[in-house]
C-alpha cells in the first residue's frame, strides 16, 4: 500500500491575517473583510483565524493599527534622511504619488469612516499626516500660519485626487500625464 504524504499547510501569523485584511480593504472595501472570504483568499481554513483573533472586530482593530504604524513609518523613514527641506517635500510628493495600494486603503477607509473603529483611526492618521506636512513646509521656510495653510492645501489636494480617481472613477491620467500633474503640484505648492 502506498504511503500517504501529509501536506503541511502554512501557518499564518496574526500579521499575515492583518496584511491579508489590508489587501482585501484595498481591493473590495472594509465591508468585504470577513473571516471566511479572507481565509479562502489566504488559502487556509477559517479555524486558523481564531488562533490569533477572537472576532472580525478584533482583526479590524489590529489591521487598522498595523496600517497606521506601517503607513506613517515607511514614508517618514524614506524622507527623513534628506537634509534639504524642499527636496524632502519633493521626494515625499513623488513617493506618495506612487503608493497605489496605500491610496486604495486610505480611500476605502475614508469611505468607511462611520465605522466605530475606522473613524478615530483615520482621524488620527490624517492629523499626523497634516502635522508632518506642516513641519516639512515650516522647515522649507514658511512661517507657522503659511506652513499650516500649505499643508492643508496639499492634503486636501491628495484626498480630493483619491476621491476623484477611486470613488468617482474619473478618467485615469496616462503615466506621462500623471507625472506632469505631480510635478505641477510640486512646483505649485513647494516654495522656491
C-alpha atoms as a PDB file:
ATOM      1  CA  UNK A   1       0.000   0.000   0.000  1.00  0.00           C
ATOM      2  CA  UNK A   2       1.454   3.414  -0.928  1.00  0.00           C
ATOM      3  CA  UNK A   3       2.485   5.669   1.886  1.00  0.00           C
ATOM      4  CA  UNK A   4       0.342   8.782   2.273  1.00  0.00           C
ATOM      5  CA  UNK A   5       2.238  12.011   2.253  1.00  0.00           C
ATOM      6  CA  UNK A   6       0.948  14.614   4.637  1.00  0.00           C
ATOM      7  CA  UNK A   7       0.989  18.067   3.108  1.00  0.00           C
ATOM      8  CA  UNK A   8       1.671  20.740   5.640  1.00  0.00           C
ATOM      9  CA  UNK A   9      -0.397  23.875   5.352  1.00  0.00           C
ATOM     10  CA  UNK A  10       1.432  27.055   6.069  1.00  0.00           C
ATOM     11  CA  UNK A  11       0.834  28.508   9.499  1.00  0.00           C
ATOM     12  CA  UNK A  12      -0.281  32.069   9.279  1.00  0.00           C
ATOM     13  CA  UNK A  13       0.708  34.655  11.806  1.00  0.00           C
ATOM     14  CA  UNK A  14      -1.522  37.447  13.047  1.00  0.00           C
ATOM     15  CA  UNK A  15       0.470  39.726  10.756  1.00  0.00           C
ATOM     16  CA  UNK A  16      -0.425  37.545   7.742  1.00  0.00           C
ATOM     17  CA  UNK A  17      -4.123  37.914   8.584  1.00  0.00           C
ATOM     18  CA  UNK A  18      -3.729  41.680   9.071  1.00  0.00           C
ATOM     19  CA  UNK A  19      -1.899  42.125   5.774  1.00  0.00           C
ATOM     20  CA  UNK A  20      -4.496  39.962   4.041  1.00  0.00           C
ATOM     21  CA  UNK A  21      -7.230  42.134   5.516  1.00  0.00           C
ATOM     22  CA  UNK A  22      -5.448  45.261   4.271  1.00  0.00           C
ATOM     23  CA  UNK A  23      -5.289  43.781   0.777  1.00  0.00           C
ATOM     24  CA  UNK A  24      -8.979  42.978   0.974  1.00  0.00           C
ATOM     25  CA  UNK A  25      -9.752  46.533   2.123  1.00  0.00           C
ATOM     26  CA  UNK A  26      -7.723  47.906  -0.802  1.00  0.00           C
ATOM     27  CA  UNK A  27      -9.467  45.643  -3.322  1.00  0.00           C
ATOM     28  CA  UNK A  28     -13.024  45.433  -2.011  1.00  0.00           C
ATOM     29  CA  UNK A  29     -13.503  47.847   0.888  1.00  0.00           C
ATOM     30  CA  UNK A  30     -13.912  47.351   4.627  1.00  0.00           C
ATOM     31  CA  UNK A  31     -17.331  45.710   4.399  1.00  0.00           C
ATOM     32  CA  UNK A  32     -15.818  42.809   2.430  1.00  0.00           C
ATOM     33  CA  UNK A  33     -13.475  41.850   5.258  1.00  0.00           C
ATOM     34  CA  UNK A  34     -14.940  38.685   6.746  1.00  0.00           C
ATOM     35  CA  UNK A  35     -13.278  35.601   8.164  1.00  0.00           C
ATOM     36  CA  UNK A  36     -14.361  33.019   5.546  1.00  0.00           C
ATOM     37  CA  UNK A  37     -13.567  35.008   2.389  1.00  0.00           C
ATOM     38  CA  UNK A  38     -10.283  36.158   3.898  1.00  0.00           C
ATOM     39  CA  UNK A  39      -9.312  32.601   4.851  1.00  0.00           C
ATOM     40  CA  UNK A  40     -10.151  31.465   1.327  1.00  0.00           C
ATOM     41  CA  UNK A  41      -8.064  34.277  -0.123  1.00  0.00           C
ATOM     42  CA  UNK A  42      -5.153  33.287   2.125  1.00  0.00           C
ATOM     43  CA  UNK A  43      -5.540  29.601   1.256  1.00  0.00           C
ATOM     44  CA  UNK A  44      -6.267  28.360   4.782  1.00  0.00           C
ATOM     45  CA  UNK A  45      -9.246  27.259   6.832  1.00  0.00           C
ATOM     46  CA  UNK A  46     -11.051  29.799   8.939  1.00  0.00           C
ATOM     47  CA  UNK A  47     -10.152  27.810  12.057  1.00  0.00           C
ATOM     48  CA  UNK A  48      -6.611  29.189  11.985  1.00  0.00           C
ATOM     49  CA  UNK A  49      -8.082  32.700  12.253  1.00  0.00           C
ATOM     50  CA  UNK A  50      -9.247  32.014  15.808  1.00  0.00           C
ATOM     51  CA  UNK A  51      -5.732  31.208  16.990  1.00  0.00           C
ATOM     52  CA  UNK A  52      -4.976  34.923  16.570  1.00  0.00           C
ATOM     53  CA  UNK A  53      -8.249  36.845  16.812  1.00  0.00           C
ATOM     54  CA  UNK A  54     -11.409  36.460  18.824  1.00  0.00           C
ATOM     55  CA  UNK A  55     -13.612  38.155  16.225  1.00  0.00           C
ATOM     56  CA  UNK A  56     -13.769  40.115  12.974  1.00  0.00           C
ATOM     57  CA  UNK A  57     -13.766  43.320  15.037  1.00  0.00           C
ATOM     58  CA  UNK A  58     -10.517  42.264  16.740  1.00  0.00           C
ATOM     59  CA  UNK A  59      -8.977  41.649  13.310  1.00  0.00           C
ATOM     60  CA  UNK A  60     -10.144  45.037  12.063  1.00  0.00           C
ATOM     61  CA  UNK A  61      -8.696  46.777  15.148  1.00  0.00           C
ATOM     62  CA  UNK A  62      -5.333  45.045  14.713  1.00  0.00           C
ATOM     63  CA  UNK A  63      -5.357  45.681  10.955  1.00  0.00           C
ATOM     64  CA  UNK A  64      -6.045  49.387  11.401  1.00  0.00           C
ATOM     65  CA  UNK A  65      -3.291  49.643  13.996  1.00  0.00           C
ATOM     66  CA  UNK A  66      -0.819  47.938  11.638  1.00  0.00           C
ATOM     67  CA  UNK A  67      -1.888  50.196   8.755  1.00  0.00           C
ATOM     68  CA  UNK A  68      -1.374  53.321  10.848  1.00  0.00           C
ATOM     69  CA  UNK A  69       2.058  52.259  12.062  1.00  0.00           C
ATOM     70  CA  UNK A  70       3.360  50.900   8.763  1.00  0.00           C
ATOM     71  CA  UNK A  71       1.953  53.666   6.571  1.00  0.00           C
ATOM     72  CA  UNK A  72       3.450  56.531   8.546  1.00  0.00           C
ATOM     73  CA  UNK A  73       6.781  54.975   9.463  1.00  0.00           C
ATOM     74  CA  UNK A  74       7.502  53.852   5.885  1.00  0.00           C
ATOM     75  CA  UNK A  75       7.020  57.298   4.374  1.00  0.00           C
ATOM     76  CA  UNK A  76       8.826  59.127   7.165  1.00  0.00           C
ATOM     77  CA  UNK A  77      11.815  56.771   7.033  1.00  0.00           C
ATOM     78  CA  UNK A  78      12.121  57.294   3.284  1.00  0.00           C
ATOM     79  CA  UNK A  79      12.390  61.092   3.531  1.00  0.00           C
ATOM     80  CA  UNK A  80      13.881  61.821   6.959  1.00  0.00           C
ATOM     81  CA  UNK A  81      17.498  61.492   5.822  1.00  0.00           C
ATOM     82  CA  UNK A  82      17.119  64.179   3.141  1.00  0.00           C
ATOM     83  CA  UNK A  83      18.727  67.328   4.511  1.00  0.00           C
ATOM     84  CA  UNK A  84      17.372  69.898   2.057  1.00  0.00           C
ATOM     85  CA  UNK A  85      13.787  70.661   3.231  1.00  0.00           C
ATOM     86  CA  UNK A  86      12.480  71.445  -0.246  1.00  0.00           C
ATOM     87  CA  UNK A  87      13.967  68.265  -1.671  1.00  0.00           C
ATOM     88  CA  UNK A  88      12.424  66.371   1.262  1.00  0.00           C
ATOM     89  CA  UNK A  89       8.999  67.709   0.251  1.00  0.00           C
ATOM     90  CA  UNK A  90       9.562  66.965  -3.450  1.00  0.00           C
ATOM     91  CA  UNK A  91      10.611  63.418  -2.597  1.00  0.00           C
ATOM     92  CA  UNK A  92       7.613  62.976  -0.295  1.00  0.00           C
ATOM     93  CA  UNK A  93       5.222  64.078  -3.041  1.00  0.00           C
ATOM     94  CA  UNK A  94       6.863  61.778  -5.594  1.00  0.00           C
ATOM     95  CA  UNK A  95       6.897  58.785  -3.225  1.00  0.00           C
ATOM     96  CA  UNK A  96       3.322  59.209  -2.084  1.00  0.00           C
ATOM     97  CA  UNK A  97       2.106  59.695  -5.636  1.00  0.00           C
ATOM     98  CA  UNK A  98       3.277  56.152  -6.437  1.00  0.00           C
ATOM     99  CA  UNK A  99       1.897  54.184  -3.475  1.00  0.00           C
ATOM    100  CA  UNK A 100      -1.268  52.935  -5.172  1.00  0.00           C
ATOM    101  CA  UNK A 101      -2.072  50.205  -2.636  1.00  0.00           C
ATOM    102  CA  UNK A 102      -1.865  52.695   0.243  1.00  0.00           C
ATOM    103  CA  UNK A 103      -4.075  55.120  -1.694  1.00  0.00           C
ATOM    104  CA  UNK A 104      -6.689  52.425  -2.140  1.00  0.00           C
ATOM    105  CA  UNK A 105      -6.607  51.512   1.546  1.00  0.00           C
ATOM    106  CA  UNK A 106      -6.871  55.128   2.694  1.00  0.00           C
ATOM    107  CA  UNK A 107      -9.685  55.849   0.240  1.00  0.00           C
ATOM    108  CA  UNK A 108     -11.618  52.747   1.327  1.00  0.00           C
ATOM    109  CA  UNK A 109     -11.192  53.709   4.965  1.00  0.00           C
ATOM    110  CA  UNK A 110     -12.366  57.265   4.336  1.00  0.00           C
ATOM    111  CA  UNK A 111     -15.437  55.711   2.741  1.00  0.00           C
ATOM    112  CA  UNK A 112     -15.987  53.653   5.916  1.00  0.00           C
ATOM    113  CA  UNK A 113     -15.231  56.473   8.364  1.00  0.00           C
ATOM    114  CA  UNK A 114     -18.566  55.946  10.140  1.00  0.00           C
ATOM    115  CA  UNK A 115     -17.366  52.548  11.402  1.00  0.00           C
ATOM    116  CA  UNK A 116     -16.604  52.845  15.127  1.00  0.00           C
ATOM    117  CA  UNK A 117     -13.023  51.597  14.744  1.00  0.00           C
ATOM    118  CA  UNK A 118     -12.241  53.298  11.455  1.00  0.00           C
ATOM    119  CA  UNK A 119     -13.309  56.878  12.231  1.00  0.00           C
ATOM    120  CA  UNK A 120     -10.917  57.508  15.133  1.00  0.00           C
ATOM    121  CA  UNK A 121      -8.014  55.755  13.374  1.00  0.00           C
ATOM    122  CA  UNK A 122      -8.459  57.685  10.108  1.00  0.00           C
ATOM    123  CA  UNK A 123      -8.781  60.917  12.082  1.00  0.00           C
ATOM    124  CA  UNK A 124      -5.565  60.182  13.985  1.00  0.00           C
ATOM    125  CA  UNK A 125      -3.638  59.258  10.822  1.00  0.00           C
ATOM    126  CA  UNK A 126      -4.980  62.289   8.954  1.00  0.00           C
ATOM    127  CA  UNK A 127      -3.965  64.611  11.795  1.00  0.00           C
ATOM    128  CA  UNK A 128      -0.490  63.032  11.870  1.00  0.00           C
ATOM    129  CA  UNK A 129      -0.109  63.435   8.110  1.00  0.00           C
ATOM    130  CA  UNK A 130      -1.213  67.058   8.313  1.00  0.00           C
ATOM    131  CA  UNK A 131       1.201  67.755  11.186  1.00  0.00           C
ATOM    132  CA  UNK A 132       4.056  66.098   9.281  1.00  0.00           C
ATOM    133  CA  UNK A 133       3.321  68.180   6.176  1.00  0.00           C
ATOM    134  CA  UNK A 134       3.093  71.342   8.269  1.00  0.00           C
ATOM    135  CA  UNK A 135       6.514  70.637   9.766  1.00  0.00           C
ATOM    136  CA  UNK A 136       8.017  69.990   6.338  1.00  0.00           C
ATOM    137  CA  UNK A 137       6.593  73.237   4.944  1.00  0.00           C
ATOM    138  CA  UNK A 138       7.839  75.071   8.022  1.00  0.00           C
ATOM    139  CA  UNK A 139      11.297  73.534   7.540  1.00  0.00           C
ATOM    140  CA  UNK A 140      11.148  74.792   3.943  1.00  0.00           C
ATOM    141  CA  UNK A 141      10.946  78.368   5.226  1.00  0.00           C
ATOM    142  CA  UNK A 142       7.263  79.158   5.581  1.00  0.00           C
ATOM    143  CA  UNK A 143       6.022  80.804   8.772  1.00  0.00           C
ATOM    144  CA  UNK A 144       3.737  78.738  11.009  1.00  0.00           C
ATOM    145  CA  UNK A 145       0.476  80.028   9.544  1.00  0.00           C
ATOM    146  CA  UNK A 146       1.584  79.737   5.922  1.00  0.00           C
ATOM    147  CA  UNK A 147       3.014  76.247   6.583  1.00  0.00           C
ATOM    148  CA  UNK A 148      -0.286  75.113   8.105  1.00  0.00           C
ATOM    149  CA  UNK A 149      -2.269  76.530   5.172  1.00  0.00           C
ATOM    150  CA  UNK A 150       0.042  74.981   2.583  1.00  0.00           C
ATOM    151  CA  UNK A 151      -0.075  71.626   4.372  1.00  0.00           C
ATOM    152  CA  UNK A 152      -3.872  71.710   4.453  1.00  0.00           C
ATOM    153  CA  UNK A 153      -3.988  72.610   0.757  1.00  0.00           C
ATOM    154  CA  UNK A 154      -1.581  69.781  -0.142  1.00  0.00           C
ATOM    155  CA  UNK A 155      -3.503  67.269   1.977  1.00  0.00           C
ATOM    156  CA  UNK A 156      -6.863  68.389   0.588  1.00  0.00           C
ATOM    157  CA  UNK A 157      -5.461  68.020  -2.921  1.00  0.00           C
ATOM    158  CA  UNK A 158      -4.289  64.491  -2.094  1.00  0.00           C
ATOM    159  CA  UNK A 159      -7.617  63.392  -0.603  1.00  0.00           C
ATOM    160  CA  UNK A 160      -9.545  65.073  -3.409  1.00  0.00           C
ATOM    161  CA  UNK A 161      -7.450  63.354  -6.068  1.00  0.00           C
ATOM    162  CA  UNK A 162      -8.050  59.995  -4.358  1.00  0.00           C
ATOM    163  CA  UNK A 163     -11.776  60.609  -4.325  1.00  0.00           C
ATOM    164  CA  UNK A 164     -11.796  61.663  -7.975  1.00  0.00           C
ATOM    165  CA  UNK A 165      -9.742  58.653  -9.035  1.00  0.00           C
ATOM    166  CA  UNK A 166     -11.042  55.882  -6.806  1.00  0.00           C
ATOM    167  CA  UNK A 167     -14.555  56.856  -5.740  1.00  0.00           C
ATOM    168  CA  UNK A 168     -15.822  58.965  -8.632  1.00  0.00           C
ATOM    169  CA  UNK A 169     -13.968  56.858 -11.221  1.00  0.00           C
ATOM    170  CA  UNK A 170     -12.878  59.915 -13.185  1.00  0.00           C
ATOM    171  CA  UNK A 171     -10.866  59.114 -16.328  1.00  0.00           C
ATOM    172  CA  UNK A 172      -7.371  57.904 -15.488  1.00  0.00           C
ATOM    173  CA  UNK A 173      -4.420  60.005 -16.455  1.00  0.00           C
ATOM    174  CA  UNK A 174      -1.793  58.344 -18.596  1.00  0.00           C
ATOM    175  CA  UNK A 175       1.548  57.749 -16.900  1.00  0.00           C
ATOM    176  CA  UNK A 176       3.023  60.829 -18.580  1.00  0.00           C
ATOM    177  CA  UNK A 177       0.020  63.000 -17.693  1.00  0.00           C
ATOM    178  CA  UNK A 178       0.164  61.819 -14.085  1.00  0.00           C
ATOM    179  CA  UNK A 179       3.908  62.548 -13.831  1.00  0.00           C
ATOM    180  CA  UNK A 180       3.287  66.037 -15.253  1.00  0.00           C
ATOM    181  CA  UNK A 181       0.457  66.546 -12.746  1.00  0.00           C
ATOM    182  CA  UNK A 182       2.690  65.544  -9.803  1.00  0.00           C
ATOM    183  CA  UNK A 183       5.443  67.881 -10.992  1.00  0.00           C
ATOM    184  CA  UNK A 184       2.877  70.699 -11.336  1.00  0.00           C
ATOM    185  CA  UNK A 185       1.715  70.063  -7.738  1.00  0.00           C
ATOM    186  CA  UNK A 186       5.336  70.145  -6.577  1.00  0.00           C
ATOM    187  CA  UNK A 187       6.060  73.405  -8.414  1.00  0.00           C
ATOM    188  CA  UNK A 188       2.822  74.984  -7.207  1.00  0.00           C
ATOM    189  CA  UNK A 189       2.999  74.011  -3.526  1.00  0.00           C
ATOM    190  CA  UNK A 190       6.675  73.873  -2.602  1.00  0.00           C
ATOM    191  CA  UNK A 191       8.271  77.281  -2.063  1.00  0.00           C
ATOM    192  CA  UNK A 192      11.362  78.026  -4.147  1.00  0.00           C
END
